[in-house]
Protein backbone atom coordinates (compact mmCIF):
# COMPACT_ATOMS: atom_id res chain seq x y z
CA UNK A 1 -22.49 3.85 -39.04
CA UNK A 2 -25.52 2.22 -40.62
CA UNK A 3 -26.91 2.44 -44.15
CA UNK A 4 -30.21 1.23 -45.53
CA UNK A 5 -33.14 0.06 -43.45
CA UNK A 6 -32.11 -0.04 -39.80
CA UNK A 7 -35.11 -2.29 -39.06
CA UNK A 8 -34.40 -4.91 -41.73
CA UNK A 9 -34.01 -8.47 -40.44
CA UNK A 10 -31.07 -8.89 -42.84
CA UNK A 11 -27.74 -7.19 -42.14
CA UNK A 12 -24.24 -7.07 -43.56
CA UNK A 13 -21.66 -6.14 -40.93
CA UNK A 14 -18.10 -5.12 -41.67
CA UNK A 15 -15.82 -5.17 -38.64
CA UNK A 16 -12.20 -4.31 -38.03
CA UNK A 17 -9.79 -1.52 -37.25
CA UNK A 18 -9.06 0.57 -40.34
CA UNK A 19 -5.94 1.99 -38.66
CA UNK A 20 -4.21 -1.40 -38.78
CA UNK A 21 -3.90 -2.10 -42.50
CA UNK A 22 -5.54 -5.48 -43.31
CA UNK A 23 -7.50 -5.47 -40.04
CA UNK A 24 -9.80 -2.94 -41.78
CA UNK A 25 -10.81 -5.47 -44.46
CA UNK A 26 -14.44 -5.86 -43.28
CA UNK A 27 -15.03 -2.12 -43.21
CA UNK A 28 -13.59 -1.74 -46.71
CA UNK A 29 -15.95 -4.47 -47.96
CA UNK A 30 -19.08 -2.74 -46.64
CA UNK A 31 -17.87 0.60 -48.00
CA UNK A 32 -17.70 -1.01 -51.45
CA UNK A 33 -21.23 -2.45 -51.05
CA UNK A 34 -22.70 0.92 -50.07
CA UNK A 35 -20.83 2.74 -52.81
CA UNK A 36 -21.75 0.46 -55.72
CA UNK A 37 -24.98 -1.45 -54.95
CA UNK A 38 -28.67 -0.97 -54.18
CA UNK A 39 -30.82 -3.63 -52.55
CA UNK A 40 -34.52 -4.46 -52.63
CA UNK A 41 -35.93 -4.82 -50.14
CA UNK A 42 -33.52 -2.60 -48.25
CA UNK A 43 -31.10 -4.28 -45.88
CA UNK A 44 -28.92 -2.97 -43.04
CA UNK A 45 -25.30 -2.37 -43.96
CA UNK A 46 -23.24 -1.66 -40.88
CA UNK A 47 -19.73 -0.30 -40.47
CA UNK A 48 -19.07 -2.01 -37.17
CA UNK A 49 -15.43 -0.94 -37.01
CA UNK A 50 -14.31 -1.63 -33.45
CA UNK A 51 -17.66 -0.96 -31.77
CA UNK A 52 -17.66 -4.02 -29.51
CA UNK A 53 -20.72 -4.00 -27.23
CA UNK A 54 -22.22 -1.06 -29.13
CA UNK A 55 -22.96 -3.54 -31.92
CA UNK A 56 -25.88 -4.75 -29.78
CA UNK A 57 -27.80 -1.62 -30.74
CA UNK A 58 -27.21 -2.17 -34.46
CA UNK A 59 -28.05 -5.88 -34.49
CA UNK A 60 -31.35 -5.87 -32.57
CA UNK A 61 -33.97 -7.76 -34.61
CA UNK A 62 -31.50 -9.22 -37.10
CA UNK A 63 -32.37 -12.76 -38.20
CA UNK A 64 -29.80 -13.19 -40.98
CA UNK A 65 -26.31 -11.75 -40.68
CA UNK A 66 -23.32 -11.60 -42.98
CA UNK A 67 -20.01 -10.58 -41.42
CA UNK A 68 -16.95 -9.44 -43.37
CA UNK A 69 -13.77 -9.53 -41.31
CA UNK A 70 -10.06 -10.19 -41.26
CA UNK A 71 -9.84 -13.45 -39.35
CA UNK A 72 -7.01 -15.50 -38.00
CA UNK A 73 -7.61 -18.92 -39.46
CA UNK A 74 -3.98 -19.95 -38.92
CA UNK A 75 -3.54 -20.04 -42.71
CA UNK A 76 -1.37 -18.36 -45.33
CA UNK A 77 -1.96 -14.61 -45.77
CA UNK A 78 -4.69 -13.98 -48.33
CA UNK A 79 -6.54 -17.22 -47.60
CA UNK A 80 -10.28 -16.69 -48.12
CA UNK A 81 -12.68 -18.23 -45.58
CA UNK A 82 -16.41 -18.88 -45.56
CA UNK A 83 -17.98 -19.92 -42.25
CA UNK A 84 -21.66 -20.65 -41.79
CA UNK A 85 -23.86 -21.00 -38.71
CA UNK A 86 -22.30 -23.68 -36.43
CA UNK A 87 -18.85 -23.12 -37.97
CA UNK A 88 -19.15 -19.44 -36.99
CA UNK A 89 -20.02 -20.30 -33.41
CA UNK A 90 -17.14 -22.80 -33.19
CA UNK A 91 -14.65 -20.29 -34.60
CA UNK A 92 -15.70 -17.50 -32.27
CA UNK A 93 -15.60 -19.80 -29.23
CA UNK A 94 -11.86 -20.23 -29.88
CA UNK A 95 -11.28 -16.51 -30.35
CA UNK A 96 -11.92 -14.93 -26.99
CA UNK A 97 -10.49 -11.59 -25.95
CA UNK A 98 -10.02 -10.87 -22.27
CA UNK A 99 -9.93 -7.11 -22.58
CA UNK A 100 -12.71 -5.97 -24.89
CA UNK A 101 -15.95 -7.26 -26.35
CA UNK A 102 -15.86 -8.50 -29.89
CA UNK A 103 -18.43 -9.96 -32.21
CA UNK A 104 -18.19 -13.30 -30.39
CA UNK A 105 -19.47 -11.76 -27.14
CA UNK A 106 -22.23 -9.88 -28.97
CA UNK A 107 -23.44 -13.07 -30.67
CA UNK A 108 -23.28 -14.90 -27.32
CA UNK A 109 -25.40 -12.16 -25.70
CA UNK A 110 -28.18 -12.72 -28.25
CA UNK A 111 -28.01 -16.48 -27.56
CA UNK A 112 -28.24 -15.95 -23.78
CA UNK A 113 -31.21 -13.60 -24.20
CA UNK A 114 -33.03 -16.26 -26.23
CA UNK A 115 -32.88 -14.16 -29.41
CA UNK A 116 -30.13 -15.86 -31.41
CA UNK A 117 -29.39 -14.66 -34.91
CA UNK A 118 -30.68 -17.59 -36.96
CA UNK A 119 -28.38 -17.49 -39.97
CA UNK A 120 -24.81 -16.20 -39.80
CA UNK A 121 -22.25 -16.29 -42.59
CA UNK A 122 -18.71 -14.96 -42.22
CA UNK A 123 -16.61 -14.07 -45.22
CA UNK A 124 -13.08 -13.55 -44.02
CA UNK A 125 -9.53 -13.23 -45.14
CA UNK A 126 -6.27 -14.10 -43.40
CA UNK A 127 -4.47 -10.74 -43.08
CA UNK A 128 -0.93 -10.21 -44.29
CA UNK A 129 -0.20 -7.11 -42.22
CA UNK A 130 -1.60 -5.59 -39.05
CA UNK A 131 0.91 -2.75 -39.10
CA UNK A 132 -0.29 0.81 -38.65
CA UNK A 133 -1.69 2.09 -41.94
CA UNK A 134 -4.97 3.09 -43.57
CA UNK A 135 -4.59 1.00 -46.73
CA UNK A 136 -5.05 -2.71 -47.19
CA UNK A 137 -2.07 -4.61 -48.54
CA UNK A 138 -2.43 -5.37 -52.28
CA UNK A 139 -2.89 -9.08 -51.47
CA UNK A 140 -5.90 -8.39 -49.23
CA UNK A 141 -7.23 -5.49 -51.35
CA UNK A 142 -7.53 -7.93 -54.26
CA UNK A 143 -9.93 -10.03 -52.17
CA UNK A 144 -12.42 -7.19 -51.57
CA UNK A 145 -14.15 -7.74 -54.95
CA UNK A 146 -14.32 -11.52 -54.46
CA UNK A 147 -15.81 -11.03 -51.01
CA UNK A 148 -18.36 -8.53 -52.32
CA UNK A 149 -19.42 -11.01 -55.03
CA UNK A 150 -19.81 -13.80 -52.47
CA UNK A 151 -21.89 -11.51 -50.23
CA UNK A 152 -24.12 -10.56 -53.16
CA UNK A 153 -24.71 -14.26 -53.95
CA UNK A 154 -25.62 -14.96 -50.32
CA UNK A 155 -28.05 -12.02 -50.26
CA UNK A 156 -29.67 -13.26 -53.47
CA UNK A 157 -30.08 -16.73 -51.89
CA UNK A 158 -31.88 -14.93 -49.07
CA UNK A 159 -34.30 -13.29 -51.53
CA UNK A 160 -32.65 -9.89 -51.83
CA UNK A 161 -32.58 -8.27 -55.26
CA UNK A 162 -29.20 -6.71 -55.99
CA UNK A 163 -28.67 -3.89 -58.47
CA UNK A 164 -25.27 -2.47 -59.41
CA UNK A 165 -25.22 1.30 -59.58
CA UNK A 166 -24.13 2.99 -62.81
CA UNK A 167 -22.41 5.68 -60.81
CA UNK A 168 -20.74 5.28 -57.45
CA UNK A 169 -22.57 6.70 -54.45
CA UNK A 170 -20.70 9.53 -52.74
CA UNK A 171 -19.85 8.34 -49.25
CA UNK A 172 -18.77 11.77 -48.03
CA UNK A 173 -16.23 11.80 -45.20
CA UNK A 174 -16.59 8.02 -44.70
CA UNK A 175 -14.92 7.55 -48.09
CA UNK A 176 -11.83 9.43 -46.97
CA UNK A 177 -10.88 7.07 -44.16
């Protein structure tokens, strides 16, 4: 699911499986952004969920990318991470899945094709629980606002004007999951 300008060179991507508690962190972050903020010029906000290779279609033409995700940084649950550019590439080189494509393979595909995404920032959190469940644990839920604020600062550094909405945008069925 994509919101905003699907041709913008700037994108915010939330990834993760919302059926596995804290694994859905990135999706919950982008839901919050869509619900409460407007951007000028428009940017792409993408619920990448567990799309794998299908993310290629959503990321074509992106030059600057922010990713929100639950990441395994081998740290205490609730640890907040910020990775930029080469740190992102180094992290994703360690995290390789043999059975399905993840963001690391998608980013590698753009590199191989000679169209690398120039600026990448990952805002992540060490999950507490990956048990079946639609809600984030309170520990991780408390980091959604911090992550949103950090994303807004990064977007402003990239020249994007951010405006908080007075009233939350209705997300329709997307809000229910």
